[in-house]
C-alpha cells in the first residue's frame, strides 16, 4: 500500500490533521504565548497576512539599467542615498508561464523590455509557493534600520545577516558572485563598523534566529576576521562564513574562531578552451 515508511507516516499525519480540525474549530480560541524573540503573541494561521502568489500575476521589479545608473549616480556624488532609496529603478512586471518555464517580463519606458527566467520547473515553482506560510510578525523598532523605500523589510522572523568583511580574495574564480578583486580599490570593514552592524541587528524584533554569514571576497583574509567572529559570539549570534581556502586553514579558523558552521562556495572551470564556467 505504501512504498516507504515515510509515506505511511505522512498518510497517518494527514488523517490525524483532518480529524482534529473540526475539534479545533469548536474549542474556544486561546491566546498564544509571547516568545522573547517576538514583538507580540505568536500568530495563528488565520492572522497571518497572505503572500501574493500564483501564476500569472502582476508585481514590481527593477530595470537593471535604471538601477545601475541610479547606483552610479550615488557613487559619483550626483545624488544622495535617499534619492536611490526612493527611485532605485522600479518598474511594473508580470510573472507568467510560457514554454515550460516561469518567466518575469518587465518593460522600462527608457530601456525597453527585459525577460528573466525564474524557474525551468513550473510544478516545483508552484509547490514552493504553496508552502509559503504567509507574512509573519510586523517588524518593531526598525524604522531607521529598514528604511529602504519600497524595498523595506516589513515582516519576518529574522534569518541571515550577511557581513562582507572585504572585497579581497586569495582566488580568481570566474564567475564570482561578488566580483572579488575586480574593483580598483580595497574595501574592508573595521571593528567599529562590525560593532555598529551588530548593535543594529539586535535592536529590533522579531528575530527568532539571526545567523551571521561572514562573506566577501574571502572573509578569512580580512585582518579582523577572528575578532569579528568573537564579537558575534559575544552578542549571542550564531556565526557562519562562506569561504574558498585550504582545508588546513579551515581547521585553524574553525578552532580559533569557534565557528558554528562552515558552508563552502565552490567554483570550477570546465572546458578551459571554451571558457565555460560553472559555479555552485
Foldseek 3Di string as FASTA:
>chain_A
DDPDVVRVVVVVVVVVVVVCVVVVVPDDDDWADDDPQAPGHWDDLVPFAADDDDAKDKDKDADVVQLVVLVVCCVVPVDPVVVCLAPNGMFIWIWHDDPQFTKIWTADPVPGIDIDTPGNHVVVVVVVSVPDSHFTDFKPPCCPPQSRHPPGDGGDQAEEDEAAAKLAAPDDFPPDPSCRPVDPDIDGDDVVVLVVVVVSVPRMDNHPAYEYEYEHRALVVRPCSLVSLVVCVVSVHAYEYEHDDDPVVVVVCCVSSVHPYYDYWDWDFPPVVVRDTDTD
